[in-house]
Amino acid sequence: MATTKVPTIKDEIFRQELDALYRENFRPMYRAAKCVTGNRHDADEAIEKVFVRVFEGQPPRVFRENPKAYLCKAAMKEARNILRSNRLRKWVGEDLSELEIATHNGEENARQSLIAALSELDPNLLEMLRLRFEQEYSCKQIAEELGRTGLGVAVNLHRGLRKLKKLMTTPGGTR
């Protein structure tokens, strides 16, 4: 059973300070994030993520020295992360759409083909695929979980999906 934390005066002061920071810095953060993403929804998401991070954790020393500069830079970094994530999601999505697994009549054959193809893949790659598609982890989350880089995970997923496609479309998967 989860217990709820009773807000203290310190929590209320922190919330008020955070509200003031948000009001003071929203516009410059938004402009910075929108310049990077070119999209207002992604810019808003970047700002949200920055403030969630500030709210949940201990802000770094740089934040205390110059909050406005820190928040603008953090918004730009988060916006770049969102762009990168969107590109990787699109990249992996295109790979999945290329699998062309048969539907209706051939569902059982496709399922058997998929199981056979998966059994030929490396266990590390299987774990990445499981985290990506079963648990819906991002490449960054998979990287953190497995102690790898986000780019390395993205490349491994891309190559793994290509190999999976090849194994499913050609008997024996070799050519």
Protein backbone atom coordinates (compact mmCIF):
# COMPACT_ATOMS: atom_id res chain seq x y z
CA MET A 1 0.00 0.00 0.00
CA ALA A 2 1.43 3.35 -1.02
CA THR A 3 1.66 6.08 1.55
CA THR A 4 1.17 9.66 0.56
CA LYS A 5 3.63 12.22 1.76
CA VAL A 6 2.10 15.03 3.77
CA PRO A 7 3.34 18.32 2.29
CA THR A 8 5.49 20.36 4.62
CA ILE A 9 6.09 24.10 4.67
CA LYS A 10 9.43 23.43 2.97
CA ASP A 11 7.62 21.53 0.17
CA GLU A 12 5.18 24.41 -0.28
CA ILE A 13 8.01 26.96 -0.47
CA PHE A 14 9.82 24.77 -3.01
CA ARG A 15 6.64 24.47 -5.09
CA GLN A 16 6.16 28.24 -5.03
CA GLU A 17 9.79 28.79 -6.05
CA LEU A 18 9.36 26.29 -8.87
CA ASP A 19 6.17 28.04 -10.03
CA ALA A 20 8.00 31.38 -10.06
CA LEU A 21 10.91 29.84 -12.00
CA TYR A 22 8.47 28.41 -14.51
CA ARG A 23 6.69 31.74 -15.02
CA GLU A 24 9.97 33.67 -15.34
CA ASN A 25 11.70 31.23 -17.68
CA PHE A 26 8.99 29.63 -19.77
CA ARG A 27 9.30 31.98 -22.76
CA PRO A 28 13.09 31.80 -23.22
CA MET A 29 13.02 28.03 -22.62
CA TYR A 30 10.18 27.62 -25.10
CA ARG A 31 11.97 29.69 -27.76
CA ALA A 32 15.17 27.70 -27.28
CA ALA A 33 13.39 24.33 -27.43
CA LYS A 34 11.23 25.32 -30.40
CA CYS A 35 14.31 26.48 -32.33
CA VAL A 36 15.72 22.98 -31.91
CA THR A 37 12.56 20.96 -32.57
CA GLY A 38 10.65 23.29 -34.87
CA ASN A 39 7.51 21.99 -33.21
CA ARG A 40 5.52 23.48 -30.33
CA HIS A 41 4.38 20.12 -28.91
CA ASP A 42 7.92 18.79 -28.67
CA ALA A 43 9.10 22.11 -27.21
CA ASP A 44 6.39 21.90 -24.52
CA GLU A 45 7.37 18.30 -23.80
CA ALA A 46 11.03 19.29 -23.44
CA ILE A 47 10.15 22.02 -20.94
CA GLU A 48 7.95 19.61 -18.98
CA LYS A 49 10.75 17.07 -18.76
CA VAL A 50 13.23 19.69 -17.57
CA PHE A 51 10.94 20.84 -14.76
CA VAL A 52 10.10 17.27 -13.77
CA ARG A 53 13.83 16.58 -13.50
CA VAL A 54 14.35 19.73 -11.41
CA PHE A 55 11.37 18.85 -9.22
CA GLU A 56 12.40 15.23 -8.64
CA GLY A 57 16.11 15.65 -8.10
CA GLN A 58 18.74 17.84 -6.57
CA PRO A 59 19.55 20.60 -9.05
CA PRO A 60 23.24 20.85 -9.99
CA ARG A 61 25.47 23.67 -8.80
CA VAL A 62 25.15 25.39 -12.20
CA PHE A 63 21.39 25.65 -11.61
CA ARG A 64 21.90 27.51 -8.34
CA GLU A 65 24.44 29.88 -9.94
CA ASN A 66 22.35 30.86 -12.98
CA PRO A 67 18.91 29.21 -13.14
CA LYS A 68 17.81 30.92 -16.36
CA ALA A 69 20.89 29.80 -18.32
CA TYR A 70 20.67 26.29 -16.89
CA LEU A 71 16.97 25.94 -17.73
CA CYS A 72 17.40 27.23 -21.31
CA LYS A 73 20.35 24.92 -21.94
CA ALA A 74 18.51 21.98 -20.36
CA ALA A 75 15.47 22.69 -22.56
CA MET A 76 17.68 22.69 -25.67
CA LYS A 77 19.34 19.41 -24.63
CA GLU A 78 16.00 17.80 -23.89
CA ALA A 79 14.64 19.03 -27.24
CA ARG A 80 17.60 17.38 -29.00
CA ASN A 81 16.90 14.17 -27.07
CA ILE A 82 13.27 14.27 -28.19
CA LEU A 83 14.31 14.77 -31.83
CA ARG A 84 16.79 11.92 -31.57
CA SER A 85 14.18 9.70 -29.95
CA ASN A 86 11.62 10.53 -32.67
CA ARG A 87 14.14 9.71 -35.41
CA LEU A 88 15.05 6.40 -33.78
CA ARG A 89 11.39 5.51 -33.25
CA LYS A 90 10.69 6.21 -36.92
CA TRP A 91 13.78 4.24 -37.94
CA VAL A 92 12.79 1.20 -35.87
CA GLY A 93 9.14 1.56 -36.97
CA GLU A 94 10.17 1.44 -40.64
CA ASP A 95 12.13 -1.72 -39.95
CA LEU A 96 9.08 -3.32 -38.34
CA SER A 97 6.80 -2.37 -41.20
CA GLU A 98 9.22 -4.10 -43.57
CA LEU A 99 8.77 -7.43 -41.80
CA GLU A 100 5.47 -7.95 -43.65
CA ILE A 101 4.21 -10.77 -41.46
CA ALA A 102 1.31 -12.53 -43.16
CA THR A 103 -2.17 -12.06 -41.69
CA HIS A 104 -5.37 -14.15 -41.48
CA ASN A 105 -4.67 -17.47 -43.29
CA GLY A 106 -0.93 -17.43 -42.73
CA GLU A 107 -0.95 -16.27 -39.11
CA GLU A 108 0.10 -19.62 -37.70
CA ASN A 109 2.84 -20.01 -40.32
CA ALA A 110 4.04 -16.48 -39.61
CA ARG A 111 4.06 -17.19 -35.89
CA GLN A 112 6.08 -20.36 -36.39
CA SER A 113 8.43 -18.51 -38.73
CA LEU A 114 8.90 -15.75 -36.17
CA ILE A 115 9.60 -18.23 -33.37
CA ALA A 116 12.15 -20.07 -35.52
CA ALA A 117 13.83 -16.80 -36.53
CA LEU A 118 13.94 -15.54 -32.94
CA SER A 119 15.60 -18.76 -31.81
CA GLU A 120 18.52 -18.02 -34.15
CA LEU A 121 19.18 -14.54 -32.74
CA ASP A 122 21.76 -13.62 -30.10
CA PRO A 123 20.36 -13.67 -26.52
CA ASN A 124 21.53 -10.07 -25.93
CA LEU A 125 19.63 -8.93 -29.01
CA LEU A 126 16.56 -10.87 -27.88
CA GLU A 127 16.69 -9.04 -24.56
CA MET A 128 16.89 -5.68 -26.36
CA LEU A 129 13.94 -6.61 -28.59
CA ARG A 130 11.95 -7.77 -25.57
CA LEU A 131 12.60 -4.52 -23.70
CA ARG A 132 11.80 -2.43 -26.78
CA PHE A 133 8.59 -4.11 -27.91
CA GLU A 134 7.24 -5.93 -24.84
CA GLN A 135 8.14 -3.38 -22.18
CA GLU A 136 8.05 -0.39 -24.60
CA TYR A 137 11.41 0.93 -23.38
CA SER A 138 13.14 3.66 -25.35
CA CYS A 139 16.65 3.06 -26.70
CA LYS A 140 17.97 5.25 -23.89
CA GLN A 141 16.17 3.20 -21.23
CA ILE A 142 17.42 -0.05 -22.78
CA ALA A 143 20.95 1.35 -22.80
CA GLU A 144 20.72 2.26 -19.11
CA GLU A 145 19.27 -1.16 -18.26
CA LEU A 146 21.96 -3.09 -20.15
CA GLY A 147 24.88 -0.75 -19.51
CA ARG A 148 25.35 0.26 -23.14
CA THR A 149 25.14 3.45 -25.19
CA GLY A 150 21.84 4.60 -26.69
CA LEU A 151 23.35 4.73 -30.16
CA GLY A 152 24.75 1.20 -29.76
CA VAL A 153 21.32 -0.08 -28.77
CA ALA A 154 19.67 1.68 -31.73
CA VAL A 155 22.20 0.21 -34.16
CA ASN A 156 21.84 -3.28 -32.66
CA LEU A 157 18.04 -3.06 -32.87
CA HIS A 158 18.24 -1.90 -36.49
CA ARG A 159 20.62 -4.69 -37.48
CA GLY A 160 18.67 -7.23 -35.47
CA LEU A 161 15.40 -6.33 -37.15
CA ARG A 162 17.07 -6.57 -40.56
CA LYS A 163 18.40 -10.02 -39.64
CA LEU A 164 15.00 -11.05 -38.31
CA LYS A 165 13.39 -9.97 -41.58
CA LYS A 166 15.95 -11.95 -43.55
CA LEU A 167 15.47 -15.04 -41.38
CA MET A 168 11.70 -14.84 -41.80
CA THR A 169 11.66 -14.25 -45.56
CA THR A 170 14.28 -16.76 -46.70
CA PRO A 171 14.33 -20.42 -45.73
CA GLY A 172 17.25 -20.91 -43.36
CA GLY A 173 17.90 -17.15 -43.44
CA THR A 174 21.23 -17.45 -45.22
CA ARG A 175 22.21 -15.68 -48.41
